[in-house]
Amino acid sequence: MKTIGRLRGRLPAWSPRAVAGLVIVAAILLPFTQPEANSFMNNCVLALAYVVMALGLNTVVGFAGLLDLGYVAFFAIGAYTTGWFSSGFYTNLHIHIGVSGYLTALPGIHLNWLLVVIAAAIICAIAGIVIGLPTLRLRGDYIAVVTLAFGEIIRVFAINGHSIIIPSWVPLFGGEPLTNGRQGITPIDQLQLPGLKPFDQLHLRPWYWTALGLALLVLFASLRLRDSRLGRAWVAIREDEVAAVSTGVPLVRTKLSSYAIGAAMGGMSGAFLGAFLNTVNAEQFTFSFSIYILAMIILGGLGSIWGVVLGAIALTFLNYYLIPDVFNSLPSTFGLGVNLTDLSYGIFGFILVLMMILRPEGLLPERRHQEELAEGIGETEAALVEERR
């Protein structure tokens, strides 16, 4: 670690930006090295969508230090926003905005996806504020319990939404069900972006570049937020809430802004995944998904933007490629009748345990967080030496 630190000190100040630029250019050109549709491209699209979601959770957990165990709720709300406004779910309505071709003749609500993703971000931001309000006076584990409960509430609403009828006084949607329960909302409209042909599952390059554009947008926003006055306020609350308040940091506004912005990012990713997966089903929104996204930011480095990107990509390919395709037959070579895909979350847990022991700061740690951990280790070792004396 000291060698890496000295190496960083010798590099010119512009080198991180140059490396980031090369990585982005390589990411843009990557689809040209692959066929139009294969499992690798499919995993790349999923990885970029999860990057957006992980960056959103990192805003809440990594920047502000608010442990959120119900982040799957914003994935659900964003995906259902796509199901409500880009499908024939509400057959009694005939609303078509920004779409063309055969979609204009279908019943239901069919909005252009750019409008849907904006709607998903707004709805999820409001939901983030709602979940943030009960946690304003809570800390640590208590925040985790409240957010976990919120995620489970959304999941129950998704499962039983077919029996939840929207009140008749609600314009347009009065008398309609909230969701379609376990049957799900399908099919979802394929993306139609201005000036481009409608997307389809046989040509994944447009999906990839759309997900990449969304990821770059959220990445840029995260970088700007981290270095802004609001980002510094989040870090101050994460380090010492009492000291932050005593220095004039507005606690309520700062916490709620973290929840709202993180939720909006999760909703945008959910809106994309709803269209890409072509279905919105209540079975997608389990508690384990929140842990899956949380594992990404812990693996990459809590509060580290580029670390979160790396962690999201690594866990996505581990979950969708390495475990089912590469290592799945490994137990049979030792005479074990074990299917690794059934143990995927156990494998994630084992990886996190190793990370906490060998590299608790993450793969690409935030410098401040890395120094804090190093300082804590030094204090612990000094205390042990003193006790032995």
Protein backbone atom coordinates (compact mmCIF):
# COMPACT_ATOMS: atom_id res chain seq x y z
CA MET A 1 0.00 0.00 0.00
CA LYS A 2 2.87 2.40 0.76
CA THR A 3 4.40 1.63 -2.64
CA ILE A 4 1.09 2.45 -4.35
CA GLY A 5 0.89 5.69 -2.41
CA ARG A 6 4.43 6.72 -3.44
CA LEU A 7 3.63 5.84 -7.05
CA ARG A 8 0.54 8.05 -6.96
CA GLY A 9 2.65 10.89 -5.63
CA ARG A 10 5.06 10.65 -8.55
CA LEU A 11 2.36 10.68 -11.24
CA PRO A 12 1.36 14.04 -12.77
CA ALA A 13 -1.86 15.66 -11.57
CA TRP A 14 -3.63 15.04 -14.88
CA SER A 15 -2.93 11.29 -14.97
CA PRO A 16 -6.19 10.17 -13.26
CA ARG A 17 -8.25 12.13 -15.79
CA ALA A 18 -6.22 10.67 -18.65
CA VAL A 19 -6.78 7.13 -17.38
CA ALA A 20 -10.49 7.82 -16.90
CA GLY A 21 -10.73 9.20 -20.44
CA LEU A 22 -9.03 6.12 -21.89
CA VAL A 23 -11.37 3.83 -19.96
CA ILE A 24 -14.43 5.72 -21.22
CA VAL A 25 -13.20 5.61 -24.84
CA ALA A 26 -12.52 1.87 -24.50
CA ALA A 27 -16.01 1.38 -23.06
CA ILE A 28 -17.56 3.23 -26.00
CA LEU A 29 -15.67 1.14 -28.55
CA LEU A 30 -16.15 -2.19 -26.77
CA PRO A 31 -19.37 -3.25 -28.64
CA PHE A 32 -17.52 -3.17 -31.97
CA THR A 33 -15.39 -6.08 -30.75
CA GLN A 34 -18.44 -8.24 -30.03
CA PRO A 35 -21.37 -9.65 -32.02
CA GLU A 36 -24.67 -7.78 -31.98
CA ALA A 37 -26.13 -10.11 -29.37
CA ASN A 38 -24.34 -12.54 -27.08
CA SER A 39 -24.14 -13.28 -23.37
CA PHE A 40 -21.12 -11.01 -22.90
CA MET A 41 -22.95 -7.98 -24.31
CA ASN A 42 -26.01 -8.84 -22.24
CA ASN A 43 -23.87 -8.93 -19.10
CA CYS A 44 -22.25 -5.62 -20.05
CA VAL A 45 -25.67 -3.96 -20.30
CA LEU A 46 -26.67 -5.34 -16.90
CA ALA A 47 -23.34 -4.28 -15.39
CA LEU A 48 -23.80 -0.67 -16.54
CA ALA A 49 -27.35 -0.59 -15.18
CA TYR A 50 -26.06 -1.88 -11.84
CA VAL A 51 -23.30 0.74 -11.91
CA VAL A 52 -26.01 3.42 -11.93
CA MET A 53 -27.83 1.73 -9.06
CA ALA A 54 -24.65 1.22 -7.03
CA LEU A 55 -23.65 4.87 -7.48
CA GLY A 56 -27.08 5.85 -6.19
CA LEU A 57 -26.70 3.70 -3.08
CA ASN A 58 -23.16 5.01 -2.62
CA THR A 59 -24.62 8.51 -2.37
CA VAL A 60 -26.64 7.41 0.64
CA VAL A 61 -24.30 4.92 2.31
CA GLY A 62 -20.85 5.97 1.10
CA PHE A 63 -21.19 9.75 1.14
CA ALA A 64 -23.71 10.42 3.91
CA GLY A 65 -23.09 7.27 5.98
CA LEU A 66 -26.79 6.31 6.13
CA LEU A 67 -27.07 2.52 6.01
CA ASP A 68 -29.90 1.75 3.57
CA LEU A 69 -31.02 -1.90 3.45
CA GLY A 70 -34.19 -1.23 1.45
CA TYR A 71 -32.70 0.18 -1.73
CA VAL A 72 -34.53 -2.42 -3.79
CA ALA A 73 -37.64 -0.29 -3.26
CA PHE A 74 -36.36 2.33 -5.70
CA PHE A 75 -35.52 -0.35 -8.26
CA ALA A 76 -39.13 -1.52 -7.90
CA ILE A 77 -40.65 1.96 -8.17
CA GLY A 78 -38.52 2.84 -11.20
CA ALA A 79 -39.35 -0.44 -12.93
CA TYR A 80 -43.07 -0.10 -12.21
CA THR A 81 -42.98 3.44 -13.58
CA THR A 82 -41.86 1.88 -16.86
CA GLY A 83 -44.60 -0.74 -16.56
CA TRP A 84 -47.29 1.88 -15.94
CA PHE A 85 -46.24 4.35 -18.63
CA SER A 86 -44.75 2.08 -21.31
CA SER A 87 -47.10 -0.86 -21.71
CA GLY A 88 -50.70 -1.89 -22.27
CA PHE A 89 -51.29 -2.52 -18.56
CA TYR A 90 -54.01 0.12 -18.35
CA THR A 91 -56.05 -1.10 -21.31
CA ASN A 92 -58.84 1.43 -20.76
CA LEU A 93 -56.48 4.30 -21.56
CA HIS A 94 -55.12 5.34 -24.93
CA ILE A 95 -52.24 7.76 -24.35
CA HIS A 96 -49.31 7.93 -26.78
CA ILE A 97 -46.58 10.55 -26.43
CA GLY A 98 -43.26 10.50 -28.26
CA VAL A 99 -43.67 7.01 -29.75
CA SER A 100 -44.16 5.87 -33.32
CA GLY A 101 -44.92 2.80 -35.39
CA TYR A 102 -47.10 0.02 -34.08
CA LEU A 103 -47.05 1.45 -30.53
CA THR A 104 -49.42 4.22 -31.58
CA ALA A 105 -52.16 1.65 -32.25
CA LEU A 106 -51.85 -0.23 -28.95
CA PRO A 107 -54.09 0.41 -25.93
CA GLY A 108 -52.57 1.59 -22.66
CA ILE A 109 -50.06 4.31 -21.88
CA HIS A 110 -47.07 4.52 -24.20
CA LEU A 111 -44.65 7.34 -23.43
CA ASN A 112 -41.20 7.86 -24.86
CA TRP A 113 -38.62 6.30 -22.54
CA LEU A 114 -36.88 9.64 -21.96
CA LEU A 115 -40.10 10.90 -20.39
CA VAL A 116 -40.46 7.68 -18.40
CA VAL A 117 -36.95 7.84 -16.93
CA ILE A 118 -37.53 11.45 -15.86
CA ALA A 119 -40.83 10.45 -14.26
CA ALA A 120 -39.12 7.52 -12.50
CA ALA A 121 -36.41 9.81 -11.10
CA ILE A 122 -39.00 12.29 -9.78
CA ILE A 123 -41.25 9.63 -8.25
CA CYS A 124 -38.31 7.85 -6.61
CA ALA A 125 -36.89 11.13 -5.29
CA ILE A 126 -40.23 11.80 -3.58
CA ALA A 127 -40.22 8.24 -2.21
CA GLY A 128 -36.66 8.79 -0.97
CA ILE A 129 -37.77 11.86 0.96
CA VAL A 130 -40.68 9.87 2.44
CA ILE A 131 -38.35 7.14 3.65
CA GLY A 132 -35.88 9.72 4.91
CA LEU A 133 -38.31 11.57 7.13
CA PRO A 134 -38.70 8.80 9.78
CA THR A 135 -34.91 8.36 9.98
CA LEU A 136 -33.93 11.98 10.66
CA ARG A 137 -33.42 11.34 14.38
CA LEU A 138 -32.09 7.82 13.98
CA ARG A 139 -28.54 6.54 13.60
CA GLY A 140 -26.69 3.39 12.68
CA ASP A 141 -28.62 0.15 13.01
CA TYR A 142 -31.94 1.92 13.55
CA ILE A 143 -31.72 3.52 10.10
CA ALA A 144 -31.01 0.09 8.63
CA VAL A 145 -34.14 -1.36 10.28
CA VAL A 146 -36.40 1.43 9.00
CA THR A 147 -35.08 1.26 5.44
CA LEU A 148 -35.33 -2.53 5.47
CA ALA A 149 -38.96 -2.23 6.51
CA PHE A 150 -39.62 0.26 3.72
CA GLY A 151 -38.16 -2.13 1.14
CA GLU A 152 -40.33 -4.96 2.42
CA ILE A 153 -43.43 -2.74 2.35
CA ILE A 154 -42.84 -1.95 -1.31
CA ARG A 155 -42.33 -5.65 -2.08
CA VAL A 156 -45.61 -6.57 -0.37
CA PHE A 157 -47.42 -3.84 -2.28
CA ALA A 158 -45.92 -5.19 -5.51
CA ILE A 159 -47.08 -8.75 -4.73
CA ASN A 160 -50.60 -7.77 -3.68
CA GLY A 161 -50.99 -4.80 -6.02
CA HIS A 162 -53.51 -6.59 -8.23
CA SER A 163 -56.03 -6.37 -5.37
CA ILE A 164 -55.18 -2.75 -4.51
CA ILE A 165 -57.52 -0.55 -6.54
CA ILE A 166 -56.59 3.07 -7.12
CA PRO A 167 -59.33 5.38 -5.71
CA SER A 168 -61.89 6.56 -8.23
CA TRP A 169 -61.13 10.22 -7.56
CA VAL A 170 -57.58 9.85 -8.99
CA PRO A 171 -57.57 11.24 -12.57
CA LEU A 172 -57.11 8.69 -15.37
CA PHE A 173 -56.06 5.84 -13.05
CA GLY A 174 -59.15 5.74 -10.82
CA GLY A 175 -60.54 2.21 -10.46
CA GLU A 176 -57.42 0.56 -11.90
CA PRO A 177 -55.14 -1.92 -10.02
CA LEU A 178 -51.78 -0.76 -8.71
CA THR A 179 -49.73 -3.68 -10.07
CA ASN A 180 -50.31 -7.07 -11.62
CA GLY A 181 -48.96 -9.01 -8.65
CA ARG A 182 -46.85 -12.08 -9.30
CA GLN A 183 -48.02 -12.24 -12.92
CA GLY A 184 -46.09 -9.07 -13.66
CA ILE A 185 -46.48 -6.39 -16.29
CA THR A 186 -45.34 -7.63 -19.66
CA PRO A 187 -44.48 -6.88 -22.40
CA ILE A 188 -42.82 -3.52 -21.83
CA ASP A 189 -42.28 -1.19 -24.76
CA GLN A 190 -38.85 -1.34 -26.34
CA LEU A 191 -36.86 1.87 -26.15
CA GLN A 192 -37.47 4.50 -28.81
CA LEU A 193 -34.97 7.34 -28.70
CA PRO A 194 -35.26 10.38 -30.97
CA GLY A 195 -33.61 9.79 -34.34
CA LEU A 196 -33.01 6.08 -33.72
CA LYS A 197 -34.84 2.93 -34.69
CA PRO A 198 -36.79 1.10 -31.95
CA PHE A 199 -34.53 -1.15 -29.91
CA ASP A 200 -34.83 -4.95 -29.92
CA GLN A 201 -33.20 -7.84 -28.08
CA LEU A 202 -31.35 -9.05 -31.18
CA HIS A 203 -29.24 -5.90 -31.37
CA LEU A 204 -27.76 -5.09 -27.96
CA ARG A 205 -25.40 -2.31 -29.00
CA PRO A 206 -28.03 0.46 -28.71
CA TRP A 207 -29.00 -0.90 -25.27
CA TYR A 208 -25.34 -0.89 -24.26
CA TRP A 209 -24.68 2.67 -25.38
CA THR A 210 -27.87 3.90 -23.70
CA ALA A 211 -26.85 2.23 -20.44
CA LEU A 212 -23.34 3.64 -20.83
CA GLY A 213 -24.71 7.13 -21.38
CA LEU A 214 -26.89 6.79 -18.29
CA ALA A 215 -23.91 5.52 -16.27
CA LEU A 216 -21.68 8.38 -17.46
CA LEU A 217 -24.37 10.91 -16.58
CA VAL A 218 -24.75 9.53 -13.06
CA LEU A 219 -20.96 9.20 -12.74
CA PHE A 220 -20.48 12.86 -13.66
CA ALA A 221 -23.22 13.88 -11.21
CA SER A 222 -21.60 11.82 -8.44
CA LEU A 223 -18.20 13.41 -9.03
CA ARG A 224 -19.66 16.89 -8.98
CA LEU A 225 -21.75 16.18 -5.91
CA ARG A 226 -18.79 14.72 -4.03
CA ASP A 227 -16.74 17.88 -4.54
CA SER A 228 -19.64 20.27 -3.91
CA ARG A 229 -20.66 21.98 -0.70
CA LEU A 230 -23.47 19.46 -0.33
CA GLY A 231 -21.03 16.57 -0.75
CA ARG A 232 -18.78 17.97 1.97
CA ALA A 233 -21.82 18.27 4.23
CA TRP A 234 -22.64 14.60 3.61
CA VAL A 235 -19.10 13.59 4.55
CA ALA A 236 -19.26 15.75 7.68
CA ILE A 237 -22.45 13.98 8.78
CA ARG A 238 -20.89 10.61 8.03
CA GLU A 239 -17.81 11.40 10.13
CA ASP A 240 -19.51 13.03 13.13
CA GLU A 241 -23.14 14.07 13.02
CA VAL A 242 -23.01 16.08 16.25
CA ALA A 243 -19.93 18.01 15.17
CA ALA A 244 -21.45 18.63 11.72
CA VAL A 245 -24.62 20.12 13.22
CA SER A 246 -22.61 22.27 15.64
CA THR A 247 -20.70 23.78 12.70
CA GLY A 248 -23.92 24.79 10.93
CA VAL A 249 -24.66 21.86 8.61
CA PRO A 250 -28.48 21.70 8.09
CA LEU A 251 -29.13 18.12 9.18
CA VAL A 252 -32.67 17.67 7.82
CA ARG A 253 -32.05 19.15 4.38
CA THR A 254 -28.70 17.38 3.99
CA LYS A 255 -30.00 13.93 4.89
CA LEU A 256 -33.14 14.27 2.79
CA SER A 257 -31.14 15.43 -0.22
CA SER A 258 -28.97 12.31 0.08
CA TYR A 259 -32.01 10.03 0.15
CA ALA A 260 -33.70 11.88 -2.71
CA ILE A 261 -30.67 11.94 -5.04
CA GLY A 262 -29.72 8.34 -4.32
CA ALA A 263 -33.31 7.21 -4.85
CA ALA A 264 -33.57 9.12 -8.14
CA MET A 265 -30.47 7.32 -9.46
CA GLY A 266 -31.92 3.96 -8.42
CA GLY A 267 -35.21 4.82 -10.10
CA MET A 268 -33.47 5.70 -13.37
CA SER A 269 -31.68 2.35 -13.34
CA GLY A 270 -34.94 0.57 -12.51
CA ALA A 271 -36.68 2.29 -15.44
CA PHE A 272 -33.95 1.09 -17.78
CA LEU A 273 -33.96 -2.48 -16.43
CA GLY A 274 -37.75 -2.67 -16.70
CA ALA A 275 -37.52 -1.93 -20.42
CA PHE A 276 -34.44 -4.10 -21.01
CA LEU A 277 -35.83 -7.15 -19.21
CA ASN A 278 -39.20 -6.56 -20.92
CA THR A 279 -41.09 -7.37 -17.73
CA VAL A 280 -41.77 -6.03 -14.27
CA ASN A 281 -42.46 -8.79 -11.77
CA ALA A 282 -42.85 -8.64 -8.00
CA GLU A 283 -40.44 -11.56 -7.61
CA GLN A 284 -37.58 -9.33 -8.78
CA PHE A 285 -37.73 -7.10 -5.71
CA THR A 286 -36.39 -9.22 -2.88
CA PHE A 287 -34.29 -8.16 0.10
CA SER A 288 -31.31 -10.05 -1.32
CA PHE A 289 -31.13 -7.56 -4.19
CA SER A 290 -30.46 -4.72 -1.73
CA ILE A 291 -27.63 -6.76 -0.22
CA TYR A 292 -26.33 -7.47 -3.72
CA ILE A 293 -26.05 -3.74 -4.51
CA LEU A 294 -24.62 -3.02 -1.06
CA ALA A 295 -21.96 -5.67 -1.64
CA MET A 296 -20.89 -3.81 -4.78
CA ILE A 297 -20.02 -0.63 -2.93
CA ILE A 298 -18.33 -2.50 -0.08
CA LEU A 299 -16.25 -4.50 -2.53
CA GLY A 300 -15.23 -1.45 -4.54
CA GLY A 301 -14.70 0.86 -1.59
CA LEU A 302 -17.22 2.70 0.55
CA GLY A 303 -17.53 6.26 -0.70
CA SER A 304 -15.18 5.67 -3.66
CA ILE A 305 -16.91 6.49 -6.93
CA TRP A 306 -14.52 4.61 -9.22
CA GLY A 307 -14.33 1.79 -6.68
CA VAL A 308 -18.11 1.42 -6.79
CA VAL A 309 -17.98 1.26 -10.59
CA LEU A 310 -15.37 -1.51 -10.39
CA GLY A 311 -17.29 -3.36 -7.68
CA ALA A 312 -20.54 -3.27 -9.66
CA ILE A 313 -18.89 -4.60 -12.82
CA ALA A 314 -16.97 -7.30 -10.92
CA LEU A 315 -20.00 -8.65 -9.03
CA THR A 316 -22.21 -8.53 -12.11
CA PHE A 317 -19.84 -10.69 -14.14
CA LEU A 318 -19.26 -12.94 -11.14
CA ASN A 319 -23.01 -13.45 -10.73
CA TYR A 320 -24.01 -13.77 -14.40
CA TYR A 321 -20.90 -15.26 -16.01
CA LEU A 322 -18.24 -16.73 -13.72
CA ILE A 323 -20.52 -18.62 -11.32
CA PRO A 324 -23.03 -20.09 -13.83
CA ASP A 325 -20.73 -20.61 -16.82
CA VAL A 326 -17.12 -20.95 -15.65
CA PHE A 327 -17.10 -22.36 -12.11
CA ASN A 328 -20.49 -24.08 -11.96
CA SER A 329 -19.04 -27.50 -12.87
CA LEU A 330 -16.10 -27.13 -10.48
CA PRO A 331 -17.73 -28.98 -7.51
CA SER A 332 -18.49 -32.01 -9.68
CA THR A 333 -14.77 -32.49 -10.33
CA PHE A 334 -14.40 -33.15 -6.60
CA GLY A 335 -17.39 -35.48 -6.49
CA LEU A 336 -19.74 -32.90 -4.97
CA GLY A 337 -23.30 -32.59 -6.22
CA VAL A 338 -23.50 -28.87 -5.55
CA ASN A 339 -24.87 -26.22 -7.91
CA LEU A 340 -22.90 -23.01 -7.43
CA THR A 341 -25.74 -20.88 -8.76
CA ASP A 342 -27.76 -21.87 -5.67
CA LEU A 343 -24.91 -20.69 -3.47
CA SER A 344 -24.26 -17.38 -5.20
CA TYR A 345 -25.18 -15.18 -2.24
CA GLY A 346 -23.10 -17.40 0.04
CA ILE A 347 -20.18 -16.83 -2.31
CA PHE A 348 -20.78 -13.07 -2.18
CA GLY A 349 -20.78 -13.26 1.61
CA PHE A 350 -17.52 -15.21 1.62
CA ILE A 351 -15.93 -12.61 -0.69
CA LEU A 352 -17.05 -9.79 1.61
CA VAL A 353 -15.61 -11.58 4.65
CA LEU A 354 -12.27 -11.90 2.82
CA MET A 355 -12.44 -8.22 1.86
CA MET A 356 -13.08 -7.18 5.47
CA ILE A 357 -10.06 -9.21 6.61
CA LEU A 358 -7.57 -8.57 3.80
CA ARG A 359 -8.60 -5.17 2.38
CA PRO A 360 -11.39 -3.54 4.41
CA GLU A 361 -11.07 -0.24 2.53
CA GLY A 362 -12.13 -1.88 -0.77
CA LEU A 363 -10.51 -2.48 -4.15
CA LEU A 364 -10.25 1.22 -5.04
CA PRO A 365 -10.67 2.99 -1.71
CA GLU A 366 -11.55 6.58 -1.11
CA ARG A 367 -8.45 8.30 0.22
CA ARG A 368 -10.18 9.73 3.29
CA HIS A 369 -11.73 6.36 4.19
CA GLN A 370 -8.42 4.58 3.65
CA GLU A 371 -6.60 7.00 5.98
CA GLU A 372 -9.29 6.54 8.64
CA LEU A 373 -8.90 2.76 8.55
CA ALA A 374 -5.11 3.03 8.64
CA GLU A 375 -5.34 5.41 11.59
CA GLY A 376 -7.66 3.04 13.42
CA ILE A 377 -5.33 0.10 12.87
CA GLY A 378 -2.39 2.10 14.19
CA GLU A 379 -4.29 3.10 17.30
CA THR A 380 -5.36 -0.48 17.93
CA GLU A 381 -1.80 -1.78 17.59
CA ALA A 382 -0.52 0.92 19.94
CA ALA A 383 -3.18 0.04 22.49
CA LEU A 384 -2.22 -3.64 22.32
CA VAL A 385 1.48 -2.83 22.82
CA GLU A 386 0.66 -0.60 25.76
CA GLU A 387 -1.52 -3.28 27.33
CA ARG A 388 1.26 -5.88 27.03
CA ARG A 389 3.64 -3.58 28.84
